[in-house]
N, C-alpha and C. Protein backbone atom coordinates (compact mmCIF):
# COMPACT_ATOMS: atom_id res chain seq x y z
N UNK A 1 0.81 -1.16 0.00
CA UNK A 1 0.00 0.00 0.00
C UNK A 1 0.86 1.23 0.00
N UNK A 2 0.24 2.27 -0.32
CA UNK A 2 1.00 3.50 -0.40
C UNK A 2 0.97 4.24 0.93
N UNK A 3 1.87 5.12 0.96
CA UNK A 3 1.90 5.93 2.16
C UNK A 3 0.70 6.87 2.19
N UNK A 4 0.20 7.04 3.35
CA UNK A 4 -0.93 7.96 3.51
C UNK A 4 -0.38 9.38 3.63
N UNK A 5 -1.02 10.25 2.94
CA UNK A 5 -0.59 11.65 3.02
C UNK A 5 -1.08 12.25 4.33
N UNK A 6 -0.22 13.07 4.91
CA UNK A 6 -0.66 13.68 6.17
C UNK A 6 -1.84 14.62 5.90
N UNK A 7 -2.73 14.72 6.83
CA UNK A 7 -3.89 15.62 6.61
C UNK A 7 -3.43 17.08 6.53
N UNK A 8 -4.15 17.87 5.75
CA UNK A 8 -3.78 19.28 5.61
C UNK A 8 -4.20 20.01 6.89
N UNK A 9 -3.33 20.86 7.37
CA UNK A 9 -3.66 21.57 8.61
C UNK A 9 -4.80 22.57 8.36
N UNK A 10 -5.58 22.84 9.39
CA UNK A 10 -6.67 23.83 9.23
C UNK A 10 -6.05 25.22 8.99
N UNK A 11 -6.78 26.09 8.32
CA UNK A 11 -6.22 27.42 8.05
C UNK A 11 -6.01 28.19 9.35
N UNK A 12 -4.96 28.97 9.38
CA UNK A 12 -4.63 29.76 10.56
C UNK A 12 -5.56 30.97 10.66
N UNK A 13 -5.85 31.38 11.88
CA UNK A 13 -6.64 32.62 11.99
C UNK A 13 -5.85 33.77 11.40
N UNK A 14 -6.56 34.87 11.10
CA UNK A 14 -5.95 36.01 10.41
C UNK A 14 -4.76 36.57 11.19
N UNK A 15 -4.85 36.64 12.49
CA UNK A 15 -3.77 37.21 13.31
C UNK A 15 -2.53 36.34 13.26
N UNK A 16 -2.69 35.05 13.08
CA UNK A 16 -1.55 34.15 13.11
C UNK A 16 -0.89 34.01 11.74
N UNK A 17 -1.56 34.48 10.68
CA UNK A 17 -0.97 34.38 9.35
C UNK A 17 0.21 35.32 9.24
N UNK A 18 1.20 34.88 8.57
CA UNK A 18 2.37 35.73 8.37
C UNK A 18 2.57 35.93 6.88
N UNK A 19 3.12 37.07 6.60
CA UNK A 19 3.42 37.39 5.23
C UNK A 19 4.68 36.62 4.83
N UNK A 20 4.69 36.09 3.61
CA UNK A 20 5.87 35.37 3.15
C UNK A 20 7.01 36.36 2.94
N UNK A 21 8.11 36.07 3.57
CA UNK A 21 9.29 36.91 3.45
C UNK A 21 10.40 36.04 2.89
N UNK A 22 11.05 36.50 1.82
CA UNK A 22 12.16 35.71 1.27
C UNK A 22 13.25 35.53 2.32
N UNK A 23 14.01 34.48 2.16
CA UNK A 23 15.04 34.12 3.14
C UNK A 23 16.06 35.24 3.30
N UNK A 24 16.42 35.89 2.21
CA UNK A 24 17.42 36.95 2.30
C UNK A 24 16.94 38.07 3.23
N UNK A 25 15.64 38.46 3.09
CA UNK A 25 15.10 39.54 3.93
C UNK A 25 14.86 39.06 5.36
N UNK A 26 14.51 37.80 5.50
CA UNK A 26 14.24 37.27 6.83
C UNK A 26 15.48 37.31 7.69
N UNK A 27 16.64 37.11 7.10
CA UNK A 27 17.88 37.14 7.86
C UNK A 27 18.17 38.56 8.34
N UNK A 28 17.74 39.58 7.56
CA UNK A 28 17.98 40.95 7.95
C UNK A 28 17.00 41.45 9.00
N UNK A 29 15.79 40.90 9.07
CA UNK A 29 14.78 41.37 10.00
C UNK A 29 14.84 40.57 11.30
N UNK A 30 14.75 41.28 12.37
CA UNK A 30 14.74 40.62 13.67
C UNK A 30 13.29 40.39 14.09
N UNK A 31 12.99 39.26 14.69
CA UNK A 31 11.62 39.06 15.15
C UNK A 31 11.26 39.98 16.32
N UNK A 32 12.28 40.62 16.90
CA UNK A 32 12.02 41.50 18.04
C UNK A 32 11.98 42.99 17.63
N UNK A 33 12.03 43.24 16.32
CA UNK A 33 12.00 44.62 15.84
C UNK A 33 10.65 45.24 16.15
N UNK A 34 10.69 46.57 16.44
CA UNK A 34 9.46 47.29 16.78
C UNK A 34 8.51 47.33 15.58
N UNK A 35 7.25 47.05 15.85
CA UNK A 35 6.22 47.17 14.84
C UNK A 35 5.06 47.94 15.47
N UNK A 36 4.34 48.74 14.69
CA UNK A 36 3.22 49.49 15.29
C UNK A 36 2.19 48.53 15.87
N UNK A 37 1.59 48.92 17.00
CA UNK A 37 0.62 48.03 17.65
C UNK A 37 -0.73 47.96 16.94
N UNK A 38 -0.90 48.78 15.93
CA UNK A 38 -2.18 48.77 15.24
C UNK A 38 -1.95 49.14 13.79
N UNK A 39 -2.94 48.89 12.99
CA UNK A 39 -2.88 49.27 11.59
C UNK A 39 -3.57 50.62 11.43
N UNK A 40 -3.17 51.40 10.46
CA UNK A 40 -3.86 52.68 10.25
C UNK A 40 -5.31 52.43 9.82
N UNK A 41 -6.15 53.40 10.13
CA UNK A 41 -7.56 53.25 9.74
C UNK A 41 -7.68 53.19 8.23
N UNK A 42 -8.67 52.46 7.80
CA UNK A 42 -8.82 52.25 6.36
C UNK A 42 -9.72 53.30 5.70
N UNK A 43 -10.54 54.04 6.49
CA UNK A 43 -11.49 54.97 5.89
C UNK A 43 -11.34 56.37 6.48
N UNK A 44 -10.40 57.18 5.97
CA UNK A 44 -10.24 58.53 6.51
C UNK A 44 -11.43 59.44 6.20
N UNK A 45 -12.18 59.13 5.17
CA UNK A 45 -13.35 59.95 4.84
C UNK A 45 -14.37 59.91 5.97
N UNK A 46 -14.51 58.75 6.58
CA UNK A 46 -15.45 58.62 7.70
C UNK A 46 -15.00 59.50 8.87
N UNK A 47 -13.70 59.53 9.13
CA UNK A 47 -13.19 60.38 10.22
C UNK A 47 -13.41 61.86 9.90
N UNK A 48 -13.14 62.28 8.67
CA UNK A 48 -13.35 63.67 8.30
C UNK A 48 -14.83 64.05 8.37
N UNK A 49 -15.70 63.13 8.00
CA UNK A 49 -17.14 63.39 8.09
C UNK A 49 -17.56 63.56 9.54
N UNK A 50 -17.06 62.70 10.42
CA UNK A 50 -17.39 62.84 11.85
C UNK A 50 -16.86 64.16 12.40
N UNK A 51 -15.66 64.55 11.98
CA UNK A 51 -15.09 65.83 12.44
C UNK A 51 -15.92 67.00 11.94
N UNK A 52 -16.40 66.94 10.70
CA UNK A 52 -17.22 68.02 10.15
C UNK A 52 -18.56 68.11 10.87
N UNK A 53 -19.16 66.98 11.18
CA UNK A 53 -20.43 66.98 11.93
C UNK A 53 -20.22 67.54 13.33
N UNK A 54 -19.13 67.15 14.00
CA UNK A 54 -18.85 67.67 15.34
C UNK A 54 -18.62 69.18 15.29
N UNK A 55 -17.92 69.66 14.26
CA UNK A 55 -17.69 71.10 14.12
C UNK A 55 -19.01 71.83 13.90
N UNK A 56 -19.87 71.30 13.04
CA UNK A 56 -21.16 71.94 12.76
C UNK A 56 -22.04 71.98 14.00
N UNK A 57 -22.04 70.91 14.77
CA UNK A 57 -22.83 70.89 16.01
C UNK A 57 -22.29 71.91 17.01
N UNK A 58 -20.97 72.02 17.11
CA UNK A 58 -20.36 72.99 18.02
C UNK A 58 -20.70 74.42 17.61
N UNK A 59 -20.59 74.74 16.34
CA UNK A 59 -20.92 76.08 15.85
C UNK A 59 -22.40 76.38 16.07
N UNK A 60 -23.27 75.42 15.81
CA UNK A 60 -24.70 75.63 16.03
C UNK A 60 -24.99 75.87 17.51
N UNK A 61 -24.32 75.13 18.39
CA UNK A 61 -24.52 75.33 19.83
C UNK A 61 -24.03 76.71 20.27
N UNK A 62 -22.88 77.13 19.76
CA UNK A 62 -22.37 78.47 20.10
C UNK A 62 -23.29 79.57 19.57
N UNK A 63 -23.77 79.41 18.36
CA UNK A 63 -24.71 80.38 17.80
C UNK A 63 -26.01 80.45 18.59
N UNK A 64 -26.52 79.29 18.98
CA UNK A 64 -27.74 79.26 19.80
C UNK A 64 -27.53 79.90 21.16
N UNK A 65 -26.37 79.65 21.76
CA UNK A 65 -26.08 80.27 23.06
C UNK A 65 -25.95 81.78 22.92
N UNK A 66 -25.30 82.26 21.86
CA UNK A 66 -25.17 83.70 21.65
C UNK A 66 -26.53 84.33 21.39
N UNK A 67 -27.41 83.64 20.69
CA UNK A 67 -28.75 84.16 20.44
C UNK A 67 -29.56 84.21 21.73
N UNK A 68 -29.47 83.18 22.54
CA UNK A 68 -30.29 83.09 23.75
C UNK A 68 -29.74 83.97 24.88
N UNK A 69 -28.43 83.88 25.14
CA UNK A 69 -27.83 84.59 26.27
C UNK A 69 -27.21 85.93 25.88
N UNK A 70 -26.98 86.15 24.60
CA UNK A 70 -26.29 87.36 24.16
C UNK A 70 -24.81 87.08 23.96
N UNK A 71 -24.17 87.99 23.25
CA UNK A 71 -22.74 87.84 22.97
C UNK A 71 -21.95 88.22 24.22
N UNK A 72 -20.90 87.48 24.55
CA UNK A 72 -20.11 87.81 25.74
C UNK A 72 -19.53 89.22 25.70
N UNK A 73 -19.42 89.84 26.87
CA UNK A 73 -18.95 91.21 26.97
C UNK A 73 -17.47 91.35 26.65
N UNK A 74 -16.70 90.27 26.76
CA UNK A 74 -15.27 90.36 26.56
C UNK A 74 -14.86 90.41 25.10
N UNK A 75 -15.80 90.20 24.18
CA UNK A 75 -15.47 90.27 22.76
C UNK A 75 -15.36 91.74 22.35
N UNK A 76 -14.24 92.13 21.71
CA UNK A 76 -14.07 93.54 21.36
C UNK A 76 -15.12 94.02 20.36
N UNK A 77 -15.63 95.21 20.58
CA UNK A 77 -16.57 95.82 19.66
C UNK A 77 -18.01 95.40 19.85
N UNK A 78 -18.29 94.52 20.80
CA UNK A 78 -19.66 94.06 20.99
C UNK A 78 -20.54 95.17 21.53
N UNK A 79 -20.04 95.90 22.50
CA UNK A 79 -20.84 96.94 23.13
C UNK A 79 -20.61 98.31 22.51
N UNK A 80 -20.09 98.34 21.32
CA UNK A 80 -19.83 99.60 20.66
C UNK A 80 -21.14 100.14 20.10
N UNK A 81 -21.74 101.05 20.83
CA UNK A 81 -23.00 101.62 20.40
C UNK A 81 -22.78 102.72 19.38
N UNK A 82 -21.76 103.54 19.61
CA UNK A 82 -21.51 104.68 18.74
C UNK A 82 -20.22 104.49 17.96
N UNK A 83 -20.18 105.15 16.81
CA UNK A 83 -18.98 105.12 15.99
C UNK A 83 -18.05 106.26 16.37
N UNK A 84 -16.84 106.17 15.87
CA UNK A 84 -15.86 107.23 16.11
C UNK A 84 -16.00 108.27 15.01
N UNK A 85 -16.42 109.44 15.37
CA UNK A 85 -16.56 110.53 14.40
C UNK A 85 -15.28 111.33 14.33
N UNK A 86 -15.24 112.30 13.43
CA UNK A 86 -14.06 113.16 13.33
C UNK A 86 -13.85 113.94 14.63
N UNK A 87 -12.61 114.06 15.05
CA UNK A 87 -12.30 114.77 16.30
C UNK A 87 -12.60 116.25 16.19
N UNK A 88 -12.61 116.78 14.97
CA UNK A 88 -12.87 118.21 14.79
C UNK A 88 -14.34 118.58 14.95
N UNK A 89 -15.23 117.61 14.88
CA UNK A 89 -16.66 117.89 15.01
C UNK A 89 -17.08 117.72 16.46
N UNK A 90 -17.58 118.80 17.05
CA UNK A 90 -17.97 118.80 18.47
C UNK A 90 -19.49 118.85 18.55
N UNK A 91 -20.06 117.87 19.26
CA UNK A 91 -21.51 117.81 19.47
C UNK A 91 -21.86 118.51 20.78
N UNK A 92 -22.99 119.21 20.78
CA UNK A 92 -23.48 119.82 22.00
C UNK A 92 -25.00 119.65 22.03
N UNK A 93 -25.45 118.73 22.87
CA UNK A 93 -26.87 118.46 23.05
C UNK A 93 -27.19 118.59 24.54
N UNK A 94 -27.41 119.81 25.03
CA UNK A 94 -27.62 120.00 26.47
C UNK A 94 -28.92 119.37 26.95
N UNK A 95 -28.93 118.90 28.19
CA UNK A 95 -30.13 118.25 28.73
C UNK A 95 -31.36 119.16 28.75
N UNK A 96 -31.17 120.46 28.91
CA UNK A 96 -32.33 121.37 28.95
C UNK A 96 -33.01 121.50 27.59
N UNK A 97 -32.35 121.04 26.53
CA UNK A 97 -32.97 121.06 25.20
C UNK A 97 -33.48 119.68 24.81
N UNK A 98 -33.61 118.79 25.78
CA UNK A 98 -34.20 117.47 25.55
C UNK A 98 -35.58 117.49 26.20
N UNK A 99 -36.57 117.08 25.45
CA UNK A 99 -37.95 117.18 25.91
C UNK A 99 -38.62 115.81 25.80
N UNK A 100 -39.13 115.36 26.94
CA UNK A 100 -39.89 114.10 26.94
C UNK A 100 -41.22 114.37 27.61
N UNK A 101 -42.29 113.97 26.93
CA UNK A 101 -43.63 114.19 27.48
C UNK A 101 -44.62 113.23 26.83
N UNK A 102 -45.79 113.22 27.42
CA UNK A 102 -46.88 112.39 26.88
C UNK A 102 -47.83 113.33 26.15
N UNK A 103 -48.14 113.00 24.91
CA UNK A 103 -49.04 113.79 24.10
C UNK A 103 -50.49 113.54 24.55
N UNK A 104 -51.42 114.43 24.19
CA UNK A 104 -52.82 114.27 24.63
C UNK A 104 -53.45 112.94 24.21
N UNK A 105 -52.98 112.33 23.12
CA UNK A 105 -53.54 111.05 22.70
C UNK A 105 -52.89 109.86 23.42
N UNK A 106 -51.96 110.13 24.38
CA UNK A 106 -51.33 109.06 25.17
C UNK A 106 -50.01 108.58 24.61
N UNK A 107 -49.59 109.08 23.47
CA UNK A 107 -48.33 108.68 22.85
C UNK A 107 -47.16 109.35 23.56
N UNK A 108 -46.09 108.58 23.78
CA UNK A 108 -44.88 109.13 24.38
C UNK A 108 -44.08 109.84 23.30
N UNK A 109 -43.56 111.03 23.62
CA UNK A 109 -42.83 111.88 22.68
C UNK A 109 -41.46 112.19 23.28
N UNK A 110 -40.42 112.18 22.42
CA UNK A 110 -39.10 112.62 22.84
C UNK A 110 -38.51 113.48 21.73
N UNK A 111 -38.08 114.67 22.10
CA UNK A 111 -37.45 115.57 21.14
C UNK A 111 -36.18 116.15 21.72
N UNK A 112 -35.27 116.53 20.85
CA UNK A 112 -34.04 117.16 21.33
C UNK A 112 -33.54 118.12 20.28
N UNK A 113 -32.70 119.03 20.73
CA UNK A 113 -32.10 120.01 19.86
C UNK A 113 -30.66 120.21 20.30
N UNK A 114 -29.78 120.42 19.36
CA UNK A 114 -28.37 120.63 19.69
C UNK A 114 -27.61 121.13 18.48
N UNK A 115 -26.33 121.32 18.66
CA UNK A 115 -25.50 121.83 17.59
C UNK A 115 -24.29 120.92 17.38
N UNK A 116 -23.77 120.96 16.18
CA UNK A 116 -22.51 120.32 15.84
C UNK A 116 -21.64 121.41 15.22
N UNK A 117 -20.43 121.56 15.73
CA UNK A 117 -19.52 122.62 15.29
C UNK A 117 -18.22 122.00 14.78
N UNK A 118 -17.73 122.52 13.68
CA UNK A 118 -16.45 122.11 13.13
C UNK A 118 -15.38 123.02 13.72
N UNK A 119 -14.57 122.52 14.63
CA UNK A 119 -13.52 123.31 15.28
C UNK A 119 -12.19 123.17 14.55
N UNK A 120 -12.14 122.40 13.50
CA UNK A 120 -10.90 122.17 12.77
C UNK A 120 -10.64 123.23 11.72
N UNK A 121 -9.61 122.97 10.91
CA UNK A 121 -9.20 123.90 9.85
C UNK A 121 -9.51 123.37 8.46
N UNK A 122 -10.25 122.26 8.40
CA UNK A 122 -10.60 121.65 7.12
C UNK A 122 -12.11 121.43 7.05
N UNK A 123 -12.62 121.33 5.86
CA UNK A 123 -14.03 120.99 5.66
C UNK A 123 -14.20 119.53 6.06
N UNK A 124 -15.21 119.25 6.85
CA UNK A 124 -15.47 117.88 7.32
C UNK A 124 -16.85 117.42 6.87
N UNK A 125 -16.93 116.14 6.50
CA UNK A 125 -18.23 115.52 6.19
C UNK A 125 -18.97 115.30 7.50
N UNK A 126 -20.25 115.58 7.49
CA UNK A 126 -21.06 115.45 8.70
C UNK A 126 -21.73 114.08 8.72
N UNK A 127 -21.33 113.19 9.65
CA UNK A 127 -21.95 111.86 9.69
C UNK A 127 -23.33 111.91 10.35
N UNK A 128 -24.05 110.80 10.23
CA UNK A 128 -25.35 110.70 10.88
C UNK A 128 -25.18 110.64 12.40
N UNK A 129 -26.18 111.17 13.10
CA UNK A 129 -26.19 111.13 14.56
C UNK A 129 -27.07 109.95 14.97
N UNK A 130 -26.69 109.26 16.03
CA UNK A 130 -27.48 108.14 16.55
C UNK A 130 -27.96 108.51 17.95
N UNK A 131 -29.25 108.39 18.17
CA UNK A 131 -29.83 108.65 19.49
C UNK A 131 -30.24 107.31 20.07
N UNK A 132 -29.79 107.06 21.29
CA UNK A 132 -30.03 105.79 21.97
C UNK A 132 -30.75 106.08 23.28
N UNK A 133 -31.87 105.42 23.48
CA UNK A 133 -32.60 105.53 24.76
C UNK A 133 -32.38 104.25 25.54
N UNK A 134 -32.01 104.42 26.80
CA UNK A 134 -31.74 103.28 27.68
C UNK A 134 -32.68 103.30 28.87
N UNK A 135 -32.92 102.10 29.44
CA UNK A 135 -33.75 102.01 30.64
C UNK A 135 -32.87 102.13 31.88
N UNK A 136 -33.45 101.94 33.05
CA UNK A 136 -32.70 102.10 34.30
C UNK A 136 -31.65 101.01 34.49
N UNK A 137 -31.75 99.90 33.75
CA UNK A 137 -30.75 98.82 33.82
C UNK A 137 -29.68 98.97 32.75
N UNK A 138 -29.63 100.11 32.07
CA UNK A 138 -28.66 100.42 31.02
C UNK A 138 -28.87 99.56 29.77
N UNK A 139 -30.06 99.04 29.59
CA UNK A 139 -30.39 98.25 28.40
C UNK A 139 -30.98 99.18 27.34
N UNK A 140 -30.54 99.00 26.09
CA UNK A 140 -31.04 99.83 24.99
C UNK A 140 -32.50 99.46 24.72
N UNK A 141 -33.38 100.47 24.77
CA UNK A 141 -34.80 100.22 24.51
C UNK A 141 -35.25 100.81 23.18
N UNK A 142 -34.52 101.81 22.66
CA UNK A 142 -34.86 102.37 21.35
C UNK A 142 -33.65 103.12 20.80
N UNK A 143 -33.43 102.97 19.50
CA UNK A 143 -32.40 103.74 18.81
C UNK A 143 -33.00 104.29 17.53
N UNK A 144 -32.52 105.43 17.12
CA UNK A 144 -32.89 105.92 15.80
C UNK A 144 -31.82 106.87 15.28
N UNK A 145 -31.54 106.78 13.97
CA UNK A 145 -30.55 107.67 13.37
C UNK A 145 -31.20 108.99 12.95
N UNK A 146 -30.41 110.05 13.01
CA UNK A 146 -30.86 111.37 12.58
C UNK A 146 -29.95 111.79 11.43
N UNK A 147 -30.49 111.94 10.22
CA UNK A 147 -29.65 112.35 9.11
C UNK A 147 -29.20 113.80 9.29
N UNK A 148 -28.00 114.11 8.86
CA UNK A 148 -27.51 115.49 9.03
C UNK A 148 -28.26 116.45 8.10
N UNK A 149 -28.47 117.68 8.55
CA UNK A 149 -29.18 118.64 7.71
C UNK A 149 -28.35 119.10 6.51
N UNK A 150 -27.04 118.93 6.55
CA UNK A 150 -26.19 119.25 5.41
C UNK A 150 -25.05 118.24 5.37
N UNK A 151 -24.41 118.09 4.22
CA UNK A 151 -23.40 117.05 4.03
C UNK A 151 -22.06 117.40 4.66
N UNK A 152 -21.67 118.68 4.64
CA UNK A 152 -20.35 119.08 5.11
C UNK A 152 -20.44 120.32 5.98
N UNK A 153 -19.40 120.49 6.81
CA UNK A 153 -19.27 121.69 7.63
C UNK A 153 -17.92 122.34 7.31
N UNK A 154 -17.96 123.62 7.04
CA UNK A 154 -16.73 124.37 6.80
C UNK A 154 -16.06 124.65 8.15
N UNK A 155 -14.80 125.02 8.16
CA UNK A 155 -14.12 125.34 9.42
C UNK A 155 -14.84 126.46 10.17
N UNK A 156 -15.11 126.22 11.45
CA UNK A 156 -15.78 127.20 12.30
C UNK A 156 -17.30 127.23 12.14
N UNK A 157 -17.84 126.49 11.20
CA UNK A 157 -19.29 126.50 10.96
C UNK A 157 -20.00 125.58 11.94
N UNK A 158 -21.23 125.97 12.31
CA UNK A 158 -22.09 125.17 13.19
C UNK A 158 -23.40 124.88 12.49
N UNK A 159 -24.01 123.79 12.86
CA UNK A 159 -25.32 123.44 12.33
C UNK A 159 -26.19 122.99 13.50
N UNK A 160 -27.46 123.38 13.47
CA UNK A 160 -28.41 122.98 14.51
C UNK A 160 -29.13 121.72 14.04
N UNK A 161 -29.24 120.78 14.95
CA UNK A 161 -29.92 119.52 14.65
C UNK A 161 -31.10 119.38 15.60
N UNK A 162 -32.28 119.20 15.02
CA UNK A 162 -33.50 118.97 15.78
C UNK A 162 -34.03 117.60 15.41
N UNK A 163 -34.42 116.84 16.41
CA UNK A 163 -34.96 115.50 16.16
C UNK A 163 -36.09 115.22 17.14
N UNK A 164 -37.05 114.44 16.68
CA UNK A 164 -38.16 114.05 17.53
C UNK A 164 -38.62 112.67 17.12
N UNK A 165 -39.13 111.94 18.09
CA UNK A 165 -39.65 110.60 17.83
C UNK A 165 -40.81 110.34 18.77
N UNK A 166 -41.77 109.58 18.27
CA UNK A 166 -42.90 109.17 19.11
C UNK A 166 -42.78 107.67 19.37
N UNK A 167 -43.70 107.13 20.10
CA UNK A 167 -43.69 105.71 20.49
C UNK A 167 -42.44 105.37 21.28
N UNK A 168 -42.07 106.24 22.17
CA UNK A 168 -40.93 106.01 23.04
C UNK A 168 -41.36 105.04 24.14
N UNK A 169 -40.61 103.99 24.40
CA UNK A 169 -40.98 103.09 25.48
C UNK A 169 -41.00 103.82 26.84
N UNK A 170 -41.96 103.47 27.66
CA UNK A 170 -42.08 104.11 28.98
C UNK A 170 -40.89 103.80 29.87
N UNK A 171 -40.20 102.70 29.58
CA UNK A 171 -39.06 102.32 30.42
C UNK A 171 -37.81 103.15 30.11
N UNK A 172 -37.81 103.94 29.04
CA UNK A 172 -36.64 104.74 28.67
C UNK A 172 -36.41 105.82 29.72
N UNK A 173 -35.19 105.87 30.23
CA UNK A 173 -34.84 106.84 31.27
C UNK A 173 -33.71 107.78 30.86
N UNK A 174 -32.78 107.30 30.03
CA UNK A 174 -31.58 108.05 29.69
C UNK A 174 -31.45 108.13 28.17
N UNK A 175 -31.08 109.31 27.67
CA UNK A 175 -30.81 109.49 26.25
C UNK A 175 -29.31 109.71 26.05
N UNK A 176 -28.75 109.00 25.07
CA UNK A 176 -27.34 109.18 24.70
C UNK A 176 -27.28 109.57 23.24
N UNK A 177 -26.41 110.51 22.93
CA UNK A 177 -26.28 111.00 21.56
C UNK A 177 -24.84 110.80 21.12
N UNK A 178 -24.66 110.22 19.93
CA UNK A 178 -23.32 109.99 19.40
C UNK A 178 -23.36 109.85 17.90
N UNK A 179 -22.22 109.51 17.32
CA UNK A 179 -22.15 109.29 15.88
C UNK A 179 -22.61 107.88 15.55
N UNK A 180 -23.33 107.76 14.45
CA UNK A 180 -23.78 106.44 14.01
C UNK A 180 -22.57 105.65 13.54
N UNK A 181 -22.43 104.37 13.98
CA UNK A 181 -21.28 103.58 13.51
C UNK A 181 -21.37 103.30 12.02
N UNK A 182 -20.21 103.13 11.40
CA UNK A 182 -20.18 102.86 9.94
C UNK A 182 -20.77 101.54 9.61
């Protein structure tokens, strides 16, 4: 009779399989050489997609928090109500020329009068004036811009500005006058 062939061994699990290495290379490689403990991920697109979704959720949460709670006070320019006007233009809106009263029909009225003077030596463009009404907690309750009566002021020239508005909130306590921001 013939010799019986030895049975074929069962296939090795994936972790136990080794890559065939030629004898010449095997002599150069040490079995104790450092190898990474893991293989690199096969799908970087999935990681980038997860990162993009996490970024979008974070931005949406920050936007929602800013909408609900308001923008933090430490951010520069957040509380900038007025713009920086030319230094040569001097505003004068005295409190005795500010008038607040209730009209006979029950509407709240606020009016003011003042001057803007060009103290410089050059012709200056006259920017819009912004009037801001605040309540006792320093919260803005109404703002409105007042267009200038003329576009420019010559050196030494003054212009009178009169403004009035109705439907003033009853909570308004303080009026501030400044240049409208750009």
